[in-house]
Amino acid sequence: MHRFGASAPLKDLLKFFRFTVDVVVEEAHRRWQRSKRESSSFARTDSQGVVPTRSRLCPNDLRRSHSCNPLEFWKTAKTTNPLKALLSYGQSMWLDYIRRDLITSGSLKKMIDEDGLRGMTSNPAIFEKAIADSSLYDDMLKTLASRNDLDTTGRYEQIAIRDIQDAADVLRPVYDSSKFRDGYVSLEVSPLLARKIRETIDEARRLWKAVKSRERDDQDSWDAGTSRHSAGDRRGYQRQCDLLFAQEVYEKVAEAHIAA
């Protein structure tokens, strides 16, 4: 955070953390070579034939439903979208992005159906880029310009809430099929309310009512945020905590959730 800020340029982050195409391909090749070497010692032979032995790469260590056979595992990986495969390990993939045409073009539904997308996050920086880099919001901006009852924040909320409501409608099947575990879209509580527990809860309630659906309200997990996280859980609001850059902070948020 101190080096890049809250919304750092993606290219800078990818380069700094070595998450480029070349590095990913190189790492994938290295792991593939390692798996070939380890699979050669994957089984031992006795008088009754080949008896499988346990390998540290075997998916059985994570899920008993997989056969302890490396060839079967790699064959399955080739035919299964790896993003959808994350669900079998209890992981839900969220998209940290939202834009009008993602919803209206059918791209969001395609990501849900084909890639196993389970939710979305939003924040003012994401909407700022979506509005500034396209003409998708021009019609609504013109309409809102005549709304003298709204200030800048109020106009922003009108734009954000419309997209979040529409995105939530697309994600509704995920919400239902997961029995309310997934299928959410986040709406960020103002960072100006940091360290103000009562005001944050009131703001979450106001936004929740404005959206009229069970979307998540989003907050950065600063040290003082754990108390409001716990309070929000007790009131039945879905909470999303991000910017967890230290294990100590992660533990505090987890403890606040358990305490609720």
C-alpha atoms as a PDB file:
ATOM      1  CA  MET A   1       0.000   0.000   0.000  1.00  0.00           C
ATOM      2  CA  HIS A   2       2.776   2.452   0.915  1.00  0.00           C
ATOM      3  CA  ARG A   3       4.536   1.760  -2.360  1.00  0.00           C
ATOM      4  CA  PHE A   4       1.668   1.559  -4.848  1.00  0.00           C
ATOM      5  CA  GLY A   5      -1.406   3.068  -3.196  1.00  0.00           C
ATOM      6  CA  ALA A   6      -4.940   1.667  -3.074  1.00  0.00           C
ATOM      7  CA  SER A   7      -5.484   1.546  -6.843  1.00  0.00           C
ATOM      8  CA  ALA A   8      -2.080   0.971  -8.382  1.00  0.00           C
ATOM      9  CA  PRO A   9      -1.658   0.582 -12.173  1.00  0.00           C
ATOM     10  CA  LEU A  10      -2.153  -3.065 -13.042  1.00  0.00           C
ATOM     11  CA  LYS A  11       0.923  -3.292 -15.262  1.00  0.00           C
ATOM     12  CA  ASP A  12       3.164  -2.002 -12.482  1.00  0.00           C
ATOM     13  CA  LEU A  13       1.775  -4.522 -10.018  1.00  0.00           C
ATOM     14  CA  LEU A  14       2.087  -7.451 -12.420  1.00  0.00           C
ATOM     15  CA  LYS A  15       5.673  -6.567 -13.207  1.00  0.00           C
ATOM     16  CA  PHE A  16       6.659  -5.999  -9.581  1.00  0.00           C
ATOM     17  CA  PHE A  17       5.149  -9.275  -8.374  1.00  0.00           C
ATOM     18  CA  ARG A  18       6.458 -11.135 -11.457  1.00  0.00           C
ATOM     19  CA  PHE A  19       2.971 -12.087 -12.598  1.00  0.00           C
ATOM     20  CA  THR A  20       3.617 -11.708 -16.310  1.00  0.00           C
ATOM     21  CA  VAL A  21       2.895 -14.139 -19.139  1.00  0.00           C
ATOM     22  CA  ASP A  22       6.554 -15.143 -19.470  1.00  0.00           C
ATOM     23  CA  VAL A  23       6.952 -15.786 -15.765  1.00  0.00           C
ATOM     24  CA  VAL A  24       3.694 -17.765 -15.539  1.00  0.00           C
ATOM     25  CA  VAL A  25       4.635 -19.941 -18.516  1.00  0.00           C
ATOM     26  CA  GLU A  26       8.109 -20.510 -17.081  1.00  0.00           C
ATOM     27  CA  GLU A  27       6.678 -21.487 -13.698  1.00  0.00           C
ATOM     28  CA  ALA A  28       4.073 -23.778 -15.270  1.00  0.00           C
ATOM     29  CA  HIS A  29       6.808 -25.516 -17.280  1.00  0.00           C
ATOM     30  CA  ARG A  30       8.969 -25.905 -14.175  1.00  0.00           C
ATOM     31  CA  ARG A  31       6.144 -27.463 -12.204  1.00  0.00           C
ATOM     32  CA  TRP A  32       5.223 -29.737 -15.077  1.00  0.00           C
ATOM     33  CA  GLN A  33       8.801 -31.009 -15.252  1.00  0.00           C
ATOM     34  CA  ARG A  34       8.792 -31.561 -11.500  1.00  0.00           C
ATOM     35  CA  SER A  35       5.527 -33.483 -11.671  1.00  0.00           C
ATOM     36  CA  LYS A  36       6.965 -35.742 -14.362  1.00  0.00           C
ATOM     37  CA  ARG A  37       9.941 -36.563 -12.164  1.00  0.00           C
ATOM     38  CA  GLU A  38       7.801 -37.244  -9.127  1.00  0.00           C
ATOM     39  CA  SER A  39       5.238 -39.280 -11.025  1.00  0.00           C
ATOM     40  CA  SER A  40       8.006 -41.685 -12.087  1.00  0.00           C
ATOM     41  CA  SER A  41       8.357 -42.692  -8.419  1.00  0.00           C
ATOM     42  CA  PHE A  42       4.645 -42.534  -7.753  1.00  0.00           C
ATOM     43  CA  ALA A  43       4.128 -46.283  -7.541  1.00  0.00           C
ATOM     44  CA  ARG A  44       6.017 -49.330  -6.340  1.00  0.00           C
ATOM     45  CA  THR A  45       5.778 -52.845  -7.722  1.00  0.00           C
ATOM     46  CA  ASP A  46       5.332 -55.995  -5.639  1.00  0.00           C
ATOM     47  CA  SER A  47       4.418 -59.586  -6.371  1.00  0.00           C
ATOM     48  CA  GLN A  48       0.787 -58.630  -6.960  1.00  0.00           C
ATOM     49  CA  GLY A  49       1.475 -55.839  -9.416  1.00  0.00           C
ATOM     50  CA  VAL A  50       1.505 -52.069  -9.115  1.00  0.00           C
ATOM     51  CA  VAL A  51       0.419 -50.666  -5.770  1.00  0.00           C
ATOM     52  CA  PRO A  52      -0.214 -46.882  -5.659  1.00  0.00           C
ATOM     53  CA  THR A  53       1.685 -44.976  -2.997  1.00  0.00           C
ATOM     54  CA  ARG A  54       0.921 -41.520  -1.640  1.00  0.00           C
ATOM     55  CA  SER A  55       2.518 -38.532  -3.312  1.00  0.00           C
ATOM     56  CA  ARG A  56       2.583 -35.022  -1.959  1.00  0.00           C
ATOM     57  CA  LEU A  57       1.107 -33.886  -5.270  1.00  0.00           C
ATOM     58  CA  CYS A  58      -1.817 -36.262  -5.019  1.00  0.00           C
ATOM     59  CA  PRO A  59      -5.189 -34.456  -4.810  1.00  0.00           C
ATOM     60  CA  ASN A  60      -6.272 -37.008  -2.192  1.00  0.00           C
ATOM     61  CA  ASP A  61      -4.442 -34.868   0.307  1.00  0.00           C
ATOM     62  CA  LEU A  62      -7.061 -32.199  -0.353  1.00  0.00           C
ATOM     63  CA  ARG A  63     -10.142 -34.083  -1.464  1.00  0.00           C
ATOM     64  CA  ARG A  64     -10.833 -37.803  -1.097  1.00  0.00           C
ATOM     65  CA  SER A  65     -13.049 -37.859  -4.170  1.00  0.00           C
ATOM     66  CA  HIS A  66     -10.049 -37.814  -6.542  1.00  0.00           C
ATOM     67  CA  SER A  67      -8.233 -40.951  -7.579  1.00  0.00           C
ATOM     68  CA  CYS A  68      -4.582 -41.007  -6.487  1.00  0.00           C
ATOM     69  CA  ASN A  69      -3.405 -41.257 -10.063  1.00  0.00           C
ATOM     70  CA  PRO A  70      -1.265 -38.444 -11.485  1.00  0.00           C
ATOM     71  CA  LEU A  71      -2.144 -39.201 -15.100  1.00  0.00           C
ATOM     72  CA  GLU A  72      -5.866 -39.037 -14.318  1.00  0.00           C
ATOM     73  CA  PHE A  73      -5.332 -35.803 -12.383  1.00  0.00           C
ATOM     74  CA  TRP A  74      -3.515 -34.045 -15.235  1.00  0.00           C
ATOM     75  CA  LYS A  75      -6.017 -35.331 -17.779  1.00  0.00           C
ATOM     76  CA  THR A  76      -8.866 -33.903 -15.677  1.00  0.00           C
ATOM     77  CA  ALA A  77      -7.051 -30.575 -15.342  1.00  0.00           C
ATOM     78  CA  LYS A  78      -6.835 -30.289 -19.118  1.00  0.00           C
ATOM     79  CA  THR A  79     -10.578 -30.745 -19.619  1.00  0.00           C
ATOM     80  CA  THR A  80     -11.783 -28.659 -16.650  1.00  0.00           C
ATOM     81  CA  ASN A  81     -11.731 -24.891 -16.473  1.00  0.00           C
ATOM     82  CA  PRO A  82      -9.241 -24.300 -13.632  1.00  0.00           C
ATOM     83  CA  LEU A  83     -11.304 -21.362 -12.382  1.00  0.00           C
ATOM     84  CA  LYS A  84     -14.381 -23.554 -11.974  1.00  0.00           C
ATOM     85  CA  ALA A  85     -12.215 -26.252 -10.400  1.00  0.00           C
ATOM     86  CA  LEU A  86     -11.519 -23.852  -7.520  1.00  0.00           C
ATOM     87  CA  LEU A  87     -15.033 -24.524  -6.231  1.00  0.00           C
ATOM     88  CA  SER A  88     -14.134 -28.128  -5.421  1.00  0.00           C
ATOM     89  CA  TYR A  89     -11.590 -26.764  -2.950  1.00  0.00           C
ATOM     90  CA  GLY A  90     -14.043 -24.420  -1.268  1.00  0.00           C
ATOM     91  CA  GLN A  91     -12.773 -21.298  -3.041  1.00  0.00           C
ATOM     92  CA  SER A  92     -15.046 -18.707  -4.649  1.00  0.00           C
ATOM     93  CA  MET A  93     -13.686 -16.492  -7.403  1.00  0.00           C
ATOM     94  CA  TRP A  94     -14.804 -12.857  -7.391  1.00  0.00           C
ATOM     95  CA  LEU A  95     -14.266 -10.202 -10.022  1.00  0.00           C
ATOM     96  CA  ASP A  96     -12.750  -6.966  -8.697  1.00  0.00           C
ATOM     97  CA  TYR A  97     -14.362  -4.896 -11.454  1.00  0.00           C
ATOM     98  CA  ILE A  98     -17.713  -3.631 -12.675  1.00  0.00           C
ATOM     99  CA  ARG A  99     -18.828  -1.705 -15.755  1.00  0.00           C
ATOM    100  CA  ARG A 100     -22.150  -1.177 -17.485  1.00  0.00           C
ATOM    101  CA  ASP A 101     -21.390  -3.100 -20.668  1.00  0.00           C
ATOM    102  CA  LEU A 102     -20.137  -6.082 -18.693  1.00  0.00           C
ATOM    103  CA  ILE A 103     -23.727  -6.511 -17.541  1.00  0.00           C
ATOM    104  CA  THR A 104     -25.656  -5.496 -20.651  1.00  0.00           C
ATOM    105  CA  SER A 105     -23.518  -7.408 -23.176  1.00  0.00           C
ATOM    106  CA  GLY A 106     -23.954 -10.765 -21.485  1.00  0.00           C
ATOM    107  CA  SER A 107     -20.250 -10.961 -20.575  1.00  0.00           C
ATOM    108  CA  LEU A 108     -21.024 -11.219 -16.863  1.00  0.00           C
ATOM    109  CA  LYS A 109     -23.404 -14.127 -17.388  1.00  0.00           C
ATOM    110  CA  LYS A 110     -20.818 -15.831 -19.589  1.00  0.00           C
ATOM    111  CA  MET A 111     -18.182 -15.495 -16.866  1.00  0.00           C
ATOM    112  CA  ILE A 112     -20.620 -17.020 -14.382  1.00  0.00           C
ATOM    113  CA  ASP A 113     -21.528 -19.932 -16.651  1.00  0.00           C
ATOM    114  CA  GLU A 114     -18.114 -20.686 -18.125  1.00  0.00           C
ATOM    115  CA  ASP A 115     -15.616 -19.480 -15.530  1.00  0.00           C
ATOM    116  CA  GLY A 116     -17.494 -20.081 -12.309  1.00  0.00           C
ATOM    117  CA  LEU A 117     -17.605 -16.436 -11.226  1.00  0.00           C
ATOM    118  CA  ARG A 118     -19.224 -16.198  -7.783  1.00  0.00           C
ATOM    119  CA  GLY A 119     -19.359 -12.485  -6.988  1.00  0.00           C
ATOM    120  CA  MET A 120     -18.133  -8.974  -7.742  1.00  0.00           C
ATOM    121  CA  THR A 121     -16.573  -6.079  -5.903  1.00  0.00           C
ATOM    122  CA  SER A 122     -16.944  -2.384  -6.624  1.00  0.00           C
ATOM    123  CA  ASN A 123     -15.446   0.824  -5.299  1.00  0.00           C
ATOM    124  CA  PRO A 124     -15.353   4.492  -6.344  1.00  0.00           C
ATOM    125  CA  ALA A 125     -12.033   4.049  -8.171  1.00  0.00           C
ATOM    126  CA  ILE A 126     -13.498   1.270 -10.333  1.00  0.00           C
ATOM    127  CA  PHE A 127     -16.554   3.363 -11.200  1.00  0.00           C
ATOM    128  CA  GLU A 128     -14.414   6.423 -11.872  1.00  0.00           C
ATOM    129  CA  LYS A 129     -12.459   4.517 -14.512  1.00  0.00           C
ATOM    130  CA  ALA A 130     -15.620   2.980 -15.979  1.00  0.00           C
ATOM    131  CA  ILE A 131     -17.276   6.394 -16.317  1.00  0.00           C
ATOM    132  CA  ALA A 132     -14.227   8.329 -17.519  1.00  0.00           C
ATOM    133  CA  ASP A 133     -13.085   5.762 -20.095  1.00  0.00           C
ATOM    134  CA  SER A 134     -16.431   5.216 -21.815  1.00  0.00           C
ATOM    135  CA  SER A 135     -19.675   6.847 -22.882  1.00  0.00           C
ATOM    136  CA  LEU A 136     -21.745   4.145 -21.209  1.00  0.00           C
ATOM    137  CA  TYR A 137     -22.926   6.466 -18.454  1.00  0.00           C
ATOM    138  CA  ASP A 138     -23.513   9.628 -20.475  1.00  0.00           C
ATOM    139  CA  ASP A 139     -27.284   9.194 -20.538  1.00  0.00           C
ATOM    140  CA  MET A 140     -27.543   8.830 -16.789  1.00  0.00           C
ATOM    141  CA  LEU A 141     -25.085  11.664 -16.156  1.00  0.00           C
ATOM    142  CA  LYS A 142     -27.244  13.987 -18.239  1.00  0.00           C
ATOM    143  CA  THR A 143     -30.324  12.970 -16.278  1.00  0.00           C
ATOM    144  CA  LEU A 144     -28.595  13.407 -12.943  1.00  0.00           C
ATOM    145  CA  ALA A 145     -27.249  16.828 -13.919  1.00  0.00           C
ATOM    146  CA  SER A 146     -30.732  18.278 -13.454  1.00  0.00           C
ATOM    147  CA  ARG A 147     -31.131  16.717 -10.003  1.00  0.00           C
ATOM    148  CA  ASN A 148     -30.533  19.697  -7.740  1.00  0.00           C
ATOM    149  CA  ASP A 149     -31.408  17.558  -4.725  1.00  0.00           C
ATOM    150  CA  LEU A 150     -28.273  15.452  -5.202  1.00  0.00           C
ATOM    151  CA  ASP A 151     -24.675  16.376  -4.474  1.00  0.00           C
ATOM    152  CA  THR A 152     -21.693  14.675  -6.116  1.00  0.00           C
ATOM    153  CA  THR A 153     -21.833  11.721  -3.746  1.00  0.00           C
ATOM    154  CA  GLY A 154     -25.540  11.319  -4.329  1.00  0.00           C
ATOM    155  CA  ARG A 155     -25.091  11.242  -8.106  1.00  0.00           C
ATOM    156  CA  TYR A 156     -22.307   8.677  -7.781  1.00  0.00           C
ATOM    157  CA  GLU A 157     -24.513   6.460  -5.630  1.00  0.00           C
ATOM    158  CA  GLN A 158     -27.318   6.559  -8.184  1.00  0.00           C
ATOM    159  CA  ILE A 159     -24.932   5.306 -10.875  1.00  0.00           C
ATOM    160  CA  ALA A 160     -23.306   2.700  -8.667  1.00  0.00           C
ATOM    161  CA  ILE A 161     -26.538   1.331  -7.222  1.00  0.00           C
ATOM    162  CA  ARG A 162     -28.070   0.848 -10.689  1.00  0.00           C
ATOM    163  CA  ASP A 163     -25.120  -1.248 -11.852  1.00  0.00           C
ATOM    164  CA  ILE A 164     -24.986  -3.201  -8.604  1.00  0.00           C
ATOM    165  CA  GLN A 165     -28.690  -3.993  -8.725  1.00  0.00           C
ATOM    166  CA  ASP A 166     -28.433  -5.192 -12.331  1.00  0.00           C
ATOM    167  CA  ALA A 167     -25.297  -7.229 -11.625  1.00  0.00           C
ATOM    168  CA  ALA A 168     -27.000  -8.795  -8.613  1.00  0.00           C
ATOM    169  CA  ASP A 169     -29.899  -9.855 -10.815  1.00  0.00           C
ATOM    170  CA  VAL A 170     -27.469 -11.701 -13.103  1.00  0.00           C
ATOM    171  CA  LEU A 171     -25.795 -13.320 -10.089  1.00  0.00           C
ATOM    172  CA  ARG A 172     -29.091 -14.343  -8.486  1.00  0.00           C
ATOM    173  CA  PRO A 173     -28.867 -17.991  -9.657  1.00  0.00           C
ATOM    174  CA  VAL A 174     -25.475 -18.246  -7.931  1.00  0.00           C
ATOM    175  CA  TYR A 175     -26.967 -16.776  -4.767  1.00  0.00           C
ATOM    176  CA  ASP A 176     -29.824 -19.286  -4.787  1.00  0.00           C
ATOM    177  CA  SER A 177     -27.828 -22.372  -5.761  1.00  0.00           C
ATOM    178  CA  SER A 178     -25.115 -21.679  -3.166  1.00  0.00           C
ATOM    179  CA  LYS A 179     -27.750 -21.228  -0.464  1.00  0.00           C
ATOM    180  CA  PHE A 180     -26.740 -17.596   0.045  1.00  0.00           C
ATOM    181  CA  ARG A 181     -22.999 -18.287   0.392  1.00  0.00           C
ATOM    182  CA  ASP A 182     -22.106 -16.599  -2.917  1.00  0.00           C
ATOM    183  CA  GLY A 183     -23.732 -14.379  -5.520  1.00  0.00           C
ATOM    184  CA  TYR A 184     -23.029 -10.986  -3.963  1.00  0.00           C
ATOM    185  CA  VAL A 185     -21.944  -7.612  -5.312  1.00  0.00           C
ATOM    186  CA  SER A 186     -20.146  -5.267  -2.943  1.00  0.00           C
ATOM    187  CA  LEU A 187     -20.826  -1.569  -2.409  1.00  0.00           C
ATOM    188  CA  GLU A 188     -18.102   0.234  -0.517  1.00  0.00           C
ATOM    189  CA  VAL A 189     -18.785   2.189   2.643  1.00  0.00           C
ATOM    190  CA  SER A 190     -17.173   5.625   2.556  1.00  0.00           C
ATOM    191  CA  PRO A 191     -13.554   5.580   3.791  1.00  0.00           C
ATOM    192  CA  LEU A 192     -14.311   8.915   5.447  1.00  0.00           C
ATOM    193  CA  LEU A 193     -16.092   6.862   8.107  1.00  0.00           C
ATOM    194  CA  ALA A 194     -12.966   4.912   9.044  1.00  0.00           C
ATOM    195  CA  ARG A 195     -12.711   4.339  12.825  1.00  0.00           C
ATOM    196  CA  LYS A 196     -16.322   5.458  13.263  1.00  0.00           C
ATOM    197  CA  ILE A 197     -18.158   2.271  14.136  1.00  0.00           C
ATOM    198  CA  ARG A 198     -21.657   3.655  14.699  1.00  0.00           C
ATOM    199  CA  GLU A 199     -21.563   5.826  11.573  1.00  0.00           C
ATOM    200  CA  THR A 200     -20.265   2.938   9.466  1.00  0.00           C
ATOM    201  CA  ILE A 201     -23.088   0.659  10.574  1.00  0.00           C
ATOM    202  CA  ASP A 202     -25.673   3.358   9.843  1.00  0.00           C
ATOM    203  CA  GLU A 203     -24.142   3.925   6.406  1.00  0.00           C
ATOM    204  CA  ALA A 204     -24.182   0.197   5.660  1.00  0.00           C
ATOM    205  CA  ARG A 205     -27.844   0.035   6.622  1.00  0.00           C
ATOM    206  CA  ARG A 206     -28.681   3.028   4.421  1.00  0.00           C
ATOM    207  CA  LEU A 207     -26.876   1.590   1.389  1.00  0.00           C
ATOM    208  CA  TRP A 208     -28.376  -1.842   1.974  1.00  0.00           C
ATOM    209  CA  LYS A 209     -31.864  -0.372   1.940  1.00  0.00           C
ATOM    210  CA  ALA A 210     -31.067   1.703  -1.156  1.00  0.00           C
ATOM    211  CA  VAL A 211     -29.998  -1.331  -3.128  1.00  0.00           C
ATOM    212  CA  LYS A 212     -32.941  -3.350  -1.716  1.00  0.00           C
ATOM    213  CA  SER A 213     -31.079  -6.600  -2.044  1.00  0.00           C
ATOM    214  CA  ARG A 214     -28.558  -8.605  -0.058  1.00  0.00           C
ATOM    215  CA  GLU A 215     -25.396  -7.248  -1.610  1.00  0.00           C
ATOM    216  CA  ARG A 216     -22.294  -6.918   0.458  1.00  0.00           C
ATOM    217  CA  ASP A 217     -21.070  -3.636   1.803  1.00  0.00           C
ATOM    218  CA  ASP A 218     -17.315  -3.390   1.452  1.00  0.00           C
ATOM    219  CA  GLN A 219     -14.728  -2.094   3.864  1.00  0.00           C
ATOM    220  CA  ASP A 220     -10.974  -1.950   4.069  1.00  0.00           C
ATOM    221  CA  SER A 221      -9.697  -3.943   7.012  1.00  0.00           C
ATOM    222  CA  TRP A 222      -7.872  -1.338   8.998  1.00  0.00           C
ATOM    223  CA  ASP A 223      -7.192  -2.107  12.650  1.00  0.00           C
ATOM    224  CA  ALA A 224     -10.216  -0.169  13.892  1.00  0.00           C
ATOM    225  CA  GLY A 225     -12.452  -1.867  11.329  1.00  0.00           C
ATOM    226  CA  THR A 226     -12.636  -5.182  13.173  1.00  0.00           C
ATOM    227  CA  SER A 227     -15.149  -3.877  15.720  1.00  0.00           C
ATOM    228  CA  ARG A 228     -17.517  -2.595  13.055  1.00  0.00           C
ATOM    229  CA  HIS A 229     -17.063  -5.865  11.156  1.00  0.00           C
ATOM    230  CA  SER A 230     -18.237  -7.797  14.194  1.00  0.00           C
ATOM    231  CA  ALA A 231     -21.146  -5.432  14.776  1.00  0.00           C
ATOM    232  CA  GLY A 232     -22.183  -5.675  11.148  1.00  0.00           C
ATOM    233  CA  ASP A 233     -22.225  -9.477  11.311  1.00  0.00           C
ATOM    234  CA  ARG A 234     -24.509  -9.438  14.350  1.00  0.00           C
ATOM    235  CA  ARG A 235     -27.000  -7.319  12.435  1.00  0.00           C
ATOM    236  CA  GLY A 236     -27.129  -9.774   9.548  1.00  0.00           C
ATOM    237  CA  TYR A 237     -25.253  -7.693   6.974  1.00  0.00           C
ATOM    238  CA  GLN A 238     -22.883  -9.412   4.606  1.00  0.00           C
ATOM    239  CA  ARG A 239     -19.378  -8.034   5.074  1.00  0.00           C
ATOM    240  CA  GLN A 240     -16.430  -8.155   2.720  1.00  0.00           C
ATOM    241  CA  CYS A 241     -13.033  -7.305   4.173  1.00  0.00           C
ATOM    242  CA  ASP A 242     -10.156  -6.720   1.789  1.00  0.00           C
ATOM    243  CA  LEU A 243      -6.672  -5.202   1.859  1.00  0.00           C
ATOM    244  CA  LEU A 244      -5.500  -7.886   4.270  1.00  0.00           C
ATOM    245  CA  PHE A 245      -1.762  -7.464   3.877  1.00  0.00           C
ATOM    246  CA  ALA A 246      -0.651  -8.970   7.192  1.00  0.00           C
ATOM    247  CA  GLN A 247      -1.433 -12.217   8.959  1.00  0.00           C
ATOM    248  CA  GLU A 248      -2.077 -10.322  12.188  1.00  0.00           C
ATOM    249  CA  VAL A 249      -4.794  -8.242  10.514  1.00  0.00           C
ATOM    250  CA  TYR A 250      -6.325 -11.372   8.965  1.00  0.00           C
ATOM    251  CA  GLU A 251      -6.496 -12.985  12.406  1.00  0.00           C
ATOM    252  CA  LYS A 252      -8.183  -9.939  13.923  1.00  0.00           C
ATOM    253  CA  VAL A 253     -10.864  -9.925  11.229  1.00  0.00           C
ATOM    254  CA  ALA A 254     -11.411 -13.668  11.608  1.00  0.00           C
ATOM    255  CA  GLU A 255     -11.737 -13.313  15.372  1.00  0.00           C
ATOM    256  CA  ALA A 256     -14.252 -10.474  14.953  1.00  0.00           C
ATOM    257  CA  HIS A 257     -16.305 -12.643  12.608  1.00  0.00           C
ATOM    258  CA  ILE A 258     -16.236 -15.602  15.015  1.00  0.00           C
ATOM    259  CA  ALA A 259     -17.144 -13.373  17.947  1.00  0.00           C
ATOM    260  CA  ALA A 260     -20.228 -12.181  16.076  1.00  0.00           C
END
